[in-house]
Amino acid sequence: MLACHAENGQGVGNFPPLWGQDSYNTGAGMSKLNKMASWVESNMPLGNANLTKQEAVDVTLYIDAQPRPNFNLQDHLLPRSEMGYYNSKVLEEKHTVRSNFKMFGLDVDTIRGDHLIP
């Protein structure tokens, strides 16, 4: 991780930031613990994927517990009046680091050892 994404997770060259304001947001597939862990296990380190399932989960928990932009689906859709009832239910979808961990019964404060994530 250090060589490609830097110690601070902000990315280096063609390697994207893993957290922070310029990283993927909390609605992205990589912010879902199960999806990211599977991807990390199959692809990291780049060109020499050799992490165990547990190592991939640990890396994922560390990365996804870092601050990143929140995602509010409502900001990207038509107004409710133009969507109809069924489609308008997606307007309630919001994602935060905290809610992504809670979905799996995990407490981000316990994992991080602090209370810095809103």
C-alpha atoms as a PDB file:
ATOM      1  CA  MET A   1       0.000   0.000   0.000  1.00  0.00           C
ATOM      2  CA  LEU A   2       2.796   2.422   0.873  1.00  0.00           C
ATOM      3  CA  ALA A   3       4.570   2.177  -2.473  1.00  0.00           C
ATOM      4  CA  CYS A   4       1.485   2.764  -4.604  1.00  0.00           C
ATOM      5  CA  HIS A   5      -0.990   4.694  -2.505  1.00  0.00           C
ATOM      6  CA  ALA A   6       1.448   6.451  -0.115  1.00  0.00           C
ATOM      7  CA  GLU A   7       1.595   6.208   3.646  1.00  0.00           C
ATOM      8  CA  ASN A   8      -1.195   8.758   3.988  1.00  0.00           C
ATOM      9  CA  GLY A   9      -3.466   6.923   1.515  1.00  0.00           C
ATOM     10  CA  GLN A  10      -3.594   9.927  -0.822  1.00  0.00           C
ATOM     11  CA  GLY A  11      -2.301   8.050  -3.873  1.00  0.00           C
ATOM     12  CA  VAL A  12       0.837   8.330  -5.977  1.00  0.00           C
ATOM     13  CA  GLY A  13       0.873   8.982  -9.729  1.00  0.00           C
ATOM     14  CA  ASN A  14      -1.566   6.606 -11.429  1.00  0.00           C
ATOM     15  CA  PHE A  15      -2.489   4.933  -8.137  1.00  0.00           C
ATOM     16  CA  PRO A  16      -5.662   6.498  -6.717  1.00  0.00           C
ATOM     17  CA  PRO A  17      -6.202   7.825  -3.217  1.00  0.00           C
ATOM     18  CA  LEU A  18      -7.704   5.276  -0.825  1.00  0.00           C
ATOM     19  CA  TRP A  19      -9.252   7.831   1.520  1.00  0.00           C
ATOM     20  CA  GLY A  20      -9.672  11.543   1.901  1.00  0.00           C
ATOM     21  CA  GLN A  21     -11.668  14.091  -0.066  1.00  0.00           C
ATOM     22  CA  ASP A  22     -10.384  12.896  -3.464  1.00  0.00           C
ATOM     23  CA  SER A  23     -11.025   9.179  -2.874  1.00  0.00           C
ATOM     24  CA  TYR A  24     -14.094   7.132  -3.747  1.00  0.00           C
ATOM     25  CA  ASN A  25     -17.242   8.116  -1.847  1.00  0.00           C
ATOM     26  CA  THR A  26     -19.292   6.080   0.617  1.00  0.00           C
ATOM     27  CA  GLY A  27     -21.756   5.015  -2.083  1.00  0.00           C
ATOM     28  CA  ALA A  28     -19.102   3.445  -4.328  1.00  0.00           C
ATOM     29  CA  GLY A  29     -18.741  -0.318  -4.613  1.00  0.00           C
ATOM     30  CA  MET A  30     -15.285  -0.168  -3.001  1.00  0.00           C
ATOM     31  CA  SER A  31     -16.842   1.289   0.147  1.00  0.00           C
ATOM     32  CA  LYS A  32     -18.841  -1.932   0.640  1.00  0.00           C
ATOM     33  CA  LEU A  33     -16.745  -4.161   2.885  1.00  0.00           C
ATOM     34  CA  ASN A  34     -17.627  -7.446   1.184  1.00  0.00           C
ATOM     35  CA  LYS A  35     -16.981  -6.148  -2.336  1.00  0.00           C
ATOM     36  CA  MET A  36     -13.699  -4.464  -1.510  1.00  0.00           C
ATOM     37  CA  ALA A  37     -12.332  -7.414   0.485  1.00  0.00           C
ATOM     38  CA  SER A  38     -12.985  -9.772  -2.417  1.00  0.00           C
ATOM     39  CA  TRP A  39     -11.347  -7.368  -4.875  1.00  0.00           C
ATOM     40  CA  VAL A  40      -8.320  -6.764  -2.641  1.00  0.00           C
ATOM     41  CA  GLU A  41      -7.797 -10.506  -2.153  1.00  0.00           C
ATOM     42  CA  SER A  42      -7.866 -11.109  -5.916  1.00  0.00           C
ATOM     43  CA  ASN A  43      -5.833  -8.084  -7.022  1.00  0.00           C
ATOM     44  CA  MET A  44      -3.435  -6.771  -4.380  1.00  0.00           C
ATOM     45  CA  PRO A  45      -0.602  -6.177  -4.323  1.00  0.00           C
ATOM     46  CA  LEU A  46      -0.792  -5.233  -7.984  1.00  0.00           C
ATOM     47  CA  GLY A  47       0.785  -7.852 -10.220  1.00  0.00           C
ATOM     48  CA  ASN A  48       1.384 -10.249  -7.318  1.00  0.00           C
ATOM     49  CA  ALA A  49      -1.948 -10.873  -5.575  1.00  0.00           C
ATOM     50  CA  ASN A  50      -0.978 -12.968  -2.574  1.00  0.00           C
ATOM     51  CA  LEU A  51      -3.056 -11.808   0.394  1.00  0.00           C
ATOM     52  CA  THR A  52      -4.984 -14.324   2.439  1.00  0.00           C
ATOM     53  CA  LYS A  53      -8.700 -13.805   2.895  1.00  0.00           C
ATOM     54  CA  GLN A  54      -8.070 -12.527   6.451  1.00  0.00           C
ATOM     55  CA  GLU A  55      -5.347 -10.125   5.297  1.00  0.00           C
ATOM     56  CA  ALA A  56      -7.689  -8.778   2.600  1.00  0.00           C
ATOM     57  CA  VAL A  57     -10.426  -8.249   5.206  1.00  0.00           C
ATOM     58  CA  ASP A  58      -7.982  -6.496   7.550  1.00  0.00           C
ATOM     59  CA  VAL A  59      -6.730  -4.203   4.760  1.00  0.00           C
ATOM     60  CA  THR A  60     -10.325  -3.451   3.755  1.00  0.00           C
ATOM     61  CA  LEU A  61     -11.397  -2.609   7.306  1.00  0.00           C
ATOM     62  CA  TYR A  62      -8.423  -0.278   7.688  1.00  0.00           C
ATOM     63  CA  ILE A  63      -8.983   1.518   4.369  1.00  0.00           C
ATOM     64  CA  ASP A  64     -12.760   1.798   4.571  1.00  0.00           C
ATOM     65  CA  ALA A  65     -12.617   3.088   8.160  1.00  0.00           C
ATOM     66  CA  GLN A  66     -10.845   6.238   6.944  1.00  0.00           C
ATOM     67  CA  PRO A  67     -12.642   9.520   6.195  1.00  0.00           C
ATOM     68  CA  ARG A  68     -14.034   9.927   2.681  1.00  0.00           C
ATOM     69  CA  PRO A  69     -16.812  11.882   0.956  1.00  0.00           C
ATOM     70  CA  ASN A  70     -20.329  10.834   1.945  1.00  0.00           C
ATOM     71  CA  PHE A  71     -22.803   9.882  -0.767  1.00  0.00           C
ATOM     72  CA  ASN A  72     -26.392  11.100  -0.856  1.00  0.00           C
ATOM     73  CA  LEU A  73     -28.183   9.553  -3.835  1.00  0.00           C
ATOM     74  CA  GLN A  74     -30.817  12.277  -3.705  1.00  0.00           C
ATOM     75  CA  ASP A  75     -28.243  14.774  -4.941  1.00  0.00           C
ATOM     76  CA  HIS A  76     -27.930  12.835  -8.213  1.00  0.00           C
ATOM     77  CA  LEU A  77     -31.540  12.054  -9.163  1.00  0.00           C
ATOM     78  CA  LEU A  78     -34.603  13.727 -10.587  1.00  0.00           C
ATOM     79  CA  PRO A  79     -37.042  15.339  -8.132  1.00  0.00           C
ATOM     80  CA  ARG A  80     -39.430  12.893  -6.403  1.00  0.00           C
ATOM     81  CA  SER A  81     -42.394  14.311  -8.340  1.00  0.00           C
ATOM     82  CA  GLU A  82     -40.795  13.203 -11.611  1.00  0.00           C
ATOM     83  CA  MET A  83     -39.842   9.707 -10.444  1.00  0.00           C
ATOM     84  CA  GLY A  84     -43.096   8.090  -9.362  1.00  0.00           C
ATOM     85  CA  TYR A  85     -43.613   6.378  -5.996  1.00  0.00           C
ATOM     86  CA  TYR A  86     -41.575   3.208  -6.572  1.00  0.00           C
ATOM     87  CA  ASN A  87     -38.514   4.928  -7.960  1.00  0.00           C
ATOM     88  CA  SER A  88     -38.734   7.747  -5.428  1.00  0.00           C
ATOM     89  CA  LYS A  89     -37.943   5.285  -2.585  1.00  0.00           C
ATOM     90  CA  VAL A  90     -34.284   5.400  -3.654  1.00  0.00           C
ATOM     91  CA  LEU A  91     -34.216   9.024  -2.560  1.00  0.00           C
ATOM     92  CA  GLU A  92     -33.913   7.723   1.000  1.00  0.00           C
ATOM     93  CA  GLU A  93     -30.610   5.992   0.213  1.00  0.00           C
ATOM     94  CA  LYS A  94     -27.661   7.637   1.936  1.00  0.00           C
ATOM     95  CA  HIS A  95     -24.243   6.210   2.733  1.00  0.00           C
ATOM     96  CA  THR A  96     -21.632   7.149   5.304  1.00  0.00           C
ATOM     97  CA  VAL A  97     -18.541   5.340   6.559  1.00  0.00           C
ATOM     98  CA  ARG A  98     -20.523   4.628   9.732  1.00  0.00           C
ATOM     99  CA  SER A  99     -23.578   3.218   7.914  1.00  0.00           C
ATOM    100  CA  ASN A 100     -21.411   1.031   5.657  1.00  0.00           C
ATOM    101  CA  PHE A 101     -19.850  -0.609   8.726  1.00  0.00           C
ATOM    102  CA  LYS A 102     -23.173  -0.865  10.562  1.00  0.00           C
ATOM    103  CA  MET A 103     -24.602  -2.812   7.601  1.00  0.00           C
ATOM    104  CA  PHE A 104     -22.251  -5.656   8.612  1.00  0.00           C
ATOM    105  CA  GLY A 105     -22.848  -5.298  12.351  1.00  0.00           C
ATOM    106  CA  LEU A 106     -19.526  -3.521  12.873  1.00  0.00           C
ATOM    107  CA  ASP A 107     -18.756  -0.382  14.861  1.00  0.00           C
ATOM    108  CA  VAL A 108     -16.271   1.878  13.090  1.00  0.00           C
ATOM    109  CA  ASP A 109     -15.298   3.550  16.398  1.00  0.00           C
ATOM    110  CA  THR A 110     -14.245   0.195  17.861  1.00  0.00           C
ATOM    111  CA  ILE A 111     -12.267  -0.710  14.756  1.00  0.00           C
ATOM    112  CA  ARG A 112     -10.526   2.682  14.589  1.00  0.00           C
ATOM    113  CA  GLY A 113     -10.114   3.043  18.356  1.00  0.00           C
ATOM    114  CA  ASP A 114     -11.423   6.608  18.259  1.00  0.00           C
ATOM    115  CA  HIS A 115     -14.559   8.637  17.529  1.00  0.00           C
ATOM    116  CA  LEU A 116     -13.341  10.705  14.571  1.00  0.00           C
ATOM    117  CA  ILE A 117     -15.783   9.455  11.922  1.00  0.00           C
ATOM    118  CA  PRO A 118     -19.055  11.441  11.887  1.00  0.00           C
END
